Amino acid sequence: MKEIRDRYEIFLKVCETGNFSKAAQALNYTQSGISQMMAAFEEELGVQLFARAKKGVTLTDNGTRLLPYIQEMANQKDKLRQAAFNINHKIEGKLRIGSFSSITALWMPDVIHFFNENYPQVEVQIFDGNYDEIRNWIIHGQVDCGFLSSIVADDLKFYPLCEDPLCAVIKKGHPLAEKRSVRLEELLEYPFIIETPGCDNDILHLLESCKKKPKTSYSFRDDTLIMAFVKSGLGVTISQELVMKAFANDVESRPLEPGRSRIIGLAFARTMKSVVTKILVEYFQQNMEVACGGRRPDAGRPERTAGGETGFGS
């Protein structure tokens, strides 16, 4: 596409200068490069565009007939670039965010209030999903960004926001409640309530790394259902501090031994450069210390992408 686009521009510059050499100099090309590109353009169209002479070139009759169409193609290209610039620099429109339940409950109300008060022309839309769904929405452009764990964001731009410790969750009065911390092998002695695959890859990854396998009694995608079943003594589970803060009532939690955490952050498609998403990142830069209780992963570190690239909007 770039080659065809350049042909339009080069064609118009040759028409303007009447000379391949002058056009090459103006566009920082070689004369042979300009000549070859115009010859290829003529071959593609099946029409001779220029009459060549020692002193330069002139448009043929057919070239003159095609000139307004080529000019229109160049104009449309400029309009496309301008439209893209406007999209990326106007603070208005929709901000579509993929989010999962604990983040939506704890962080998103303040995000919505922030945009309503400071950027009222931006409509914040929240798409509720699990890790797999959110990642898929980002890749296919159905959301502008989304909250993910670092474990599923390898091929996306990822701005780490919060280190969220994993914890054992048990009912009140459970024998493990007497311990200050719980080893995974101890927890797996009891019937286990697990999140549906795709909902929490961090916990599944942890369980897969353990030689002892869980005796799964129930599987849900809803954190509130899992907590309700734990509260009723129907099993134990592993969750995170953010989930406990958002949904846990009348259950006990204990740190895992050794400690494990997930890294929560904002993920973007590699081509995303919207000024509105940049404002969202800046908001979290300024507010995450409170939201995460000071547990920032490498505070101040720019986001990463697959391959180690950094820098928002790069």
Protein backbone atom coordinates (compact mmCIF):
# COMPACT_ATOMS: atom_id res chain seq x y z
CA MET A 1 0.00 0.00 0.00
CA LYS A 2 2.86 2.36 0.73
CA GLU A 3 4.35 1.80 -2.73
CA ILE A 4 1.07 2.66 -4.51
CA ARG A 5 0.58 5.70 -2.28
CA ASP A 6 4.08 6.95 -3.13
CA ARG A 7 3.40 6.54 -6.84
CA TYR A 8 0.55 9.02 -6.65
CA GLU A 9 2.69 11.58 -4.87
CA ILE A 10 5.65 11.03 -7.17
CA PHE A 11 3.46 11.23 -10.28
CA LEU A 12 2.14 14.63 -9.18
CA LYS A 13 5.64 15.87 -8.35
CA VAL A 14 6.92 14.81 -11.78
CA CYS A 15 3.98 16.65 -13.38
CA GLU A 16 4.84 19.72 -11.32
CA THR A 17 8.57 19.75 -12.12
CA GLY A 18 8.44 18.23 -15.61
CA ASN A 19 11.62 16.34 -14.81
CA PHE A 20 12.51 13.05 -13.10
CA SER A 21 15.74 14.50 -11.67
CA LYS A 22 14.02 17.51 -10.10
CA ALA A 23 11.24 15.35 -8.70
CA ALA A 24 13.82 12.96 -7.24
CA GLN A 25 15.67 15.83 -5.61
CA ALA A 26 12.47 17.28 -4.13
CA LEU A 27 11.32 13.94 -2.72
CA ASN A 28 14.74 12.67 -1.62
CA TYR A 29 14.69 9.79 -4.08
CA THR A 30 17.22 8.73 -6.70
CA GLN A 31 16.46 9.58 -10.33
CA SER A 32 16.58 5.90 -11.27
CA GLY A 33 14.17 5.12 -8.44
CA ILE A 34 11.68 7.70 -9.69
CA SER A 35 12.01 6.49 -13.26
CA GLN A 36 11.52 2.84 -12.29
CA MET A 37 8.52 3.62 -10.10
CA MET A 38 6.80 5.61 -12.86
CA ALA A 39 7.52 2.88 -15.38
CA ALA A 40 5.98 0.32 -13.01
CA PHE A 41 2.98 2.65 -12.50
CA GLU A 42 2.46 2.89 -16.26
CA GLU A 43 2.72 -0.88 -16.60
CA GLU A 44 0.20 -1.41 -13.80
CA LEU A 45 -2.31 0.97 -15.43
CA GLY A 46 -1.57 -0.22 -18.96
CA VAL A 47 -1.27 3.42 -20.03
CA GLN A 48 1.73 5.56 -21.00
CA LEU A 49 1.57 8.58 -18.73
CA PHE A 50 4.66 10.55 -19.80
CA ALA A 51 6.33 11.40 -23.06
CA ARG A 52 10.05 11.31 -22.37
CA ALA A 53 12.54 13.73 -23.96
CA LYS A 54 16.12 14.85 -23.26
CA LYS A 55 14.96 18.01 -21.47
CA GLY A 56 12.37 16.27 -19.31
CA VAL A 57 8.91 14.74 -19.51
CA THR A 58 5.42 15.89 -20.43
CA LEU A 59 2.06 14.29 -19.86
CA THR A 60 0.60 12.28 -22.71
CA ASP A 61 -3.02 12.81 -23.63
CA ASN A 62 -3.94 9.71 -21.64
CA GLY A 63 -1.84 10.96 -18.74
CA THR A 64 -3.71 14.24 -18.82
CA ARG A 65 -7.04 12.39 -18.75
CA LEU A 66 -5.96 10.40 -15.69
CA LEU A 67 -4.43 13.35 -13.84
CA PRO A 68 -7.62 14.43 -11.98
CA TYR A 69 -8.24 10.86 -10.80
CA ILE A 70 -4.71 10.50 -9.48
CA GLN A 71 -4.98 13.90 -7.83
CA GLU A 72 -8.18 12.75 -6.11
CA MET A 73 -6.46 9.60 -4.85
CA ALA A 74 -3.68 11.73 -3.36
CA ASN A 75 -6.28 14.03 -1.78
CA GLN A 76 -8.12 11.08 -0.24
CA LYS A 77 -4.85 9.85 1.25
CA ASP A 78 -4.32 13.27 2.87
CA LYS A 79 -7.89 13.23 4.21
CA LEU A 80 -7.31 9.78 5.69
CA ARG A 81 -4.18 10.96 7.46
CA GLN A 82 -6.00 14.03 8.78
CA ALA A 83 -8.94 11.95 10.02
CA ALA A 84 -6.55 9.62 11.86
CA PHE A 85 -4.80 12.63 13.39
CA ASN A 86 -8.13 14.04 14.58
CA ILE A 87 -9.13 10.74 16.15
CA ASN A 88 -5.85 10.52 18.04
CA HIS A 89 -5.76 14.15 19.24
CA LYS A 90 -9.35 15.09 20.08
CA ILE A 91 -10.42 14.39 23.64
CA GLU A 92 -13.89 13.19 22.80
CA GLY A 93 -15.77 10.10 21.72
CA LYS A 94 -15.94 6.68 23.38
CA LEU A 95 -13.38 5.02 25.63
CA ARG A 96 -14.09 1.29 25.57
CA ILE A 97 -12.45 -0.57 28.45
CA GLY A 98 -12.39 -4.33 28.97
CA SER A 99 -12.53 -5.13 32.68
CA PHE A 100 -13.13 -7.98 35.10
CA SER A 101 -15.36 -7.85 38.15
CA SER A 102 -13.00 -6.89 40.99
CA ILE A 103 -11.37 -4.08 38.96
CA THR A 104 -14.77 -2.85 37.79
CA ALA A 105 -16.05 -2.72 41.37
CA LEU A 106 -12.98 -1.11 42.96
CA TRP A 107 -11.47 1.17 40.31
CA MET A 108 -13.93 1.95 37.55
CA PRO A 109 -16.39 4.18 39.49
CA ASP A 110 -13.55 6.64 40.18
CA VAL A 111 -12.38 6.43 36.55
CA ILE A 112 -15.88 7.29 35.31
CA HIS A 113 -16.18 10.21 37.76
CA PHE A 114 -12.76 11.49 36.62
CA PHE A 115 -13.75 11.56 32.95
CA ASN A 116 -17.23 12.97 33.68
CA GLU A 117 -15.69 15.86 35.60
CA ASN A 118 -12.64 16.57 33.43
CA TYR A 119 -13.51 15.29 29.95
CA PRO A 120 -17.32 15.28 29.68
CA GLN A 121 -17.16 14.67 25.90
CA VAL A 122 -15.66 11.21 26.55
CA GLU A 123 -18.14 8.38 27.13
CA VAL A 124 -16.58 5.56 29.16
CA GLN A 125 -17.95 2.14 28.24
CA ILE A 126 -17.12 -0.95 30.28
CA PHE A 127 -17.07 -4.42 28.74
CA ASP A 128 -17.19 -7.10 31.44
CA GLY A 129 -15.22 -10.26 30.69
CA ASN A 130 -12.53 -12.69 31.74
CA TYR A 131 -8.86 -12.64 30.77
CA ASP A 132 -9.33 -14.57 27.53
CA GLU A 133 -12.31 -12.48 26.44
CA ILE A 134 -10.63 -9.15 27.22
CA ARG A 135 -7.43 -10.13 25.44
CA ASN A 136 -9.43 -11.16 22.37
CA TRP A 137 -11.40 -7.88 22.41
CA ILE A 138 -8.14 -5.89 22.47
CA ILE A 139 -6.58 -7.83 19.60
CA HIS A 140 -9.68 -7.44 17.42
CA GLY A 141 -10.28 -3.77 18.25
CA GLN A 142 -13.56 -4.29 20.11
CA VAL A 143 -12.16 -2.34 23.07
CA ASP A 144 -9.52 0.41 23.20
CA CYS A 145 -7.74 -1.16 26.16
CA GLY A 146 -8.35 -3.63 28.93
CA PHE A 147 -7.22 -4.77 32.34
CA LEU A 148 -5.21 -7.99 32.22
CA SER A 149 -2.71 -9.97 34.19
CA SER A 150 0.81 -9.84 32.77
CA ILE A 151 0.69 -13.61 32.29
CA VAL A 152 -1.69 -13.22 29.30
CA ALA A 153 -0.38 -9.94 27.81
CA ASP A 154 2.85 -11.03 26.13
CA ASP A 155 1.92 -9.85 22.62
CA LEU A 156 0.30 -6.57 23.71
CA LYS A 157 1.46 -3.23 25.02
CA PHE A 158 1.19 -3.60 28.78
CA TYR A 159 1.40 -0.93 31.46
CA PRO A 160 1.81 -2.62 34.88
CA LEU A 161 -0.32 -1.01 37.59
CA CYS A 162 -0.62 -3.18 40.67
CA GLU A 163 0.96 -6.19 42.33
CA ASP A 164 -1.96 -8.22 43.69
CA PRO A 165 -1.00 -11.04 46.12
CA LEU A 166 -2.73 -14.40 45.86
CA CYS A 167 -4.25 -15.81 49.04
CA ALA A 168 -5.93 -18.89 50.43
CA VAL A 169 -9.66 -18.42 51.14
CA ILE A 170 -11.46 -20.54 53.72
CA LYS A 171 -14.64 -20.36 55.78
CA LYS A 172 -14.61 -18.94 59.29
CA GLY A 173 -13.61 -21.55 61.84
CA HIS A 174 -11.78 -23.67 59.27
CA PRO A 175 -8.73 -25.53 60.70
CA LEU A 176 -6.41 -23.58 58.37
CA ALA A 177 -7.73 -20.31 59.82
CA GLU A 178 -5.49 -20.93 62.83
CA LYS A 179 -2.39 -20.55 60.64
CA ARG A 180 -0.77 -17.19 59.74
CA SER A 181 0.00 -18.44 56.24
CA VAL A 182 -0.97 -21.50 54.22
CA ARG A 183 1.08 -23.73 51.96
CA LEU A 184 -0.59 -24.69 48.70
CA GLU A 185 -0.22 -28.40 49.50
CA GLU A 186 -2.12 -27.87 52.76
CA LEU A 187 -4.96 -26.05 51.01
CA LEU A 188 -5.32 -28.76 48.39
CA GLU A 189 -6.09 -31.34 51.08
CA TYR A 190 -9.64 -29.93 51.04
CA PRO A 191 -12.36 -29.85 48.32
CA PHE A 192 -11.41 -27.04 45.96
CA ILE A 193 -13.59 -24.45 44.24
CA ILE A 194 -11.90 -23.25 41.06
CA GLU A 195 -12.52 -20.41 38.63
CA THR A 196 -13.61 -21.38 35.13
CA PRO A 197 -10.64 -21.64 32.73
CA GLY A 198 -9.92 -18.28 31.13
CA CYS A 199 -11.11 -16.36 34.16
CA ASP A 200 -7.91 -16.47 36.16
CA ASN A 201 -4.87 -17.86 34.41
CA ASP A 202 -2.60 -16.90 37.34
CA ILE A 203 -4.33 -19.33 39.70
CA LEU A 204 -4.49 -22.07 37.06
CA HIS A 205 -0.78 -21.60 36.34
CA LEU A 206 -0.02 -21.91 40.05
CA LEU A 207 -2.09 -25.09 40.38
CA GLU A 208 -0.42 -26.63 37.33
CA SER A 209 3.00 -26.03 38.89
CA CYS A 210 2.05 -28.02 42.02
CA LYS A 211 2.61 -31.76 42.15
CA LYS A 212 -0.50 -32.21 44.27
CA LYS A 213 -3.64 -31.74 42.20
CA PRO A 214 -6.83 -30.13 43.52
CA LYS A 215 -9.93 -32.15 44.28
CA THR A 216 -12.22 -29.84 42.37
CA SER A 217 -15.75 -29.73 43.74
CA TYR A 218 -17.18 -26.74 41.85
CA SER A 219 -16.16 -24.35 39.08
CA PHE A 220 -17.56 -20.84 38.58
CA ARG A 221 -16.58 -17.69 36.68
CA ASP A 222 -18.28 -15.40 39.22
CA ASP A 223 -16.19 -14.39 42.26
CA THR A 224 -19.30 -13.80 44.39
CA LEU A 225 -20.49 -17.38 43.78
CA ILE A 226 -17.10 -18.77 44.74
CA MET A 227 -17.09 -16.76 47.99
CA ALA A 228 -20.66 -17.83 48.78
CA PHE A 229 -19.74 -21.52 48.43
CA VAL A 230 -16.60 -21.08 50.53
CA LYS A 231 -18.66 -19.31 53.19
CA SER A 232 -21.03 -22.28 53.22
CA GLY A 233 -18.16 -24.70 53.82
CA LEU A 234 -18.45 -26.39 50.42
CA GLY A 235 -14.77 -25.98 49.66
CA VAL A 236 -11.72 -23.75 49.76
CA THR A 237 -10.20 -21.62 47.02
CA ILE A 238 -7.36 -19.33 45.98
CA SER A 239 -8.14 -15.73 45.22
CA GLN A 240 -6.46 -12.30 45.27
CA GLU A 241 -6.46 -9.41 47.70
CA LEU A 242 -8.36 -7.18 45.27
CA VAL A 243 -11.11 -9.79 44.96
CA MET A 244 -11.27 -10.14 48.74
CA LYS A 245 -11.56 -6.38 49.10
CA ALA A 246 -14.35 -6.21 46.52
CA PHE A 247 -16.48 -9.26 47.29
CA ALA A 248 -15.43 -11.24 50.37
CA ASN A 249 -17.87 -11.29 53.28
CA ASP A 250 -17.71 -13.63 56.26
CA VAL A 251 -14.78 -15.70 54.95
CA GLU A 252 -11.15 -15.87 56.04
CA SER A 253 -8.08 -15.32 53.90
CA ARG A 254 -4.44 -16.16 54.57
CA PRO A 255 -1.27 -15.41 52.57
CA LEU A 256 0.15 -18.25 50.56
CA GLU A 257 3.53 -19.66 51.58
CA PRO A 258 5.66 -19.01 49.62
CA GLY A 259 4.02 -15.79 48.52
CA ARG A 260 2.64 -15.48 44.99
CA SER A 261 1.21 -12.44 43.17
CA ARG A 262 -0.30 -11.42 39.89
CA ILE A 263 0.62 -8.19 38.09
CA ILE A 264 -2.47 -6.27 36.98
CA GLY A 265 -2.09 -3.67 34.26
CA LEU A 266 -3.65 -1.93 31.28
CA ALA A 267 -3.15 -3.71 27.97
CA PHE A 268 -3.37 -2.15 24.52
CA ALA A 269 -3.06 -3.24 20.93
CA ARG A 270 0.41 -2.42 19.62
CA THR A 271 -1.03 0.16 17.18
CA MET A 272 -3.08 2.04 19.79
CA LYS A 273 -2.07 5.73 20.04
CA SER A 274 -5.30 7.42 21.14
CA VAL A 275 -4.90 10.52 23.29
CA VAL A 276 -7.88 9.36 25.41
CA THR A 277 -6.16 6.09 26.35
CA LYS A 278 -3.01 8.07 27.13
CA ILE A 279 -5.06 10.18 29.58
CA LEU A 280 -6.31 6.96 31.19
CA VAL A 281 -2.73 5.75 31.70
CA GLU A 282 -1.75 9.12 33.20
CA TYR A 283 -4.74 8.92 35.56
CA PHE A 284 -3.54 5.56 36.88
CA GLN A 285 0.03 6.80 37.17
CA GLN A 286 -1.22 9.45 39.59
CA ASN A 287 -3.73 7.36 41.53
CA MET A 288 -2.51 3.76 41.80
CA GLU A 289 -0.50 4.17 45.03
CA VAL A 290 -3.74 4.49 46.99
CA ALA A 291 -5.66 1.88 45.00
CA CYS A 292 -2.92 -0.74 45.40
CA GLY A 293 -1.90 0.05 48.94
CA GLY A 294 1.57 1.03 47.75
CA ARG A 295 2.17 -2.25 45.88
CA ARG A 296 3.22 -0.81 42.54
CA PRO A 297 5.26 -3.20 40.35
CA ASP A 298 8.47 -1.29 39.59
CA ALA A 299 6.74 2.04 40.15
CA GLY A 300 7.33 4.49 37.36
CA ARG A 301 8.32 1.78 34.86
CA PRO A 302 6.90 2.40 31.36
CA GLU A 303 4.75 -0.24 29.78
CA ARG A 304 6.35 -3.08 27.90
CA THR A 305 5.47 -4.93 24.75
CA ALA A 306 6.50 -8.27 23.39
CA GLY A 307 10.13 -7.97 22.46
CA GLY A 308 10.87 -5.56 25.30
CA GLU A 309 9.73 -2.33 23.63
CA THR A 310 8.69 0.49 25.94
CA GLY A 311 7.11 3.93 25.73
CA PHE A 312 3.40 4.67 25.44
CA GLY A 313 2.23 5.25 21.92
CA SER A 314 5.52 4.07 20.39
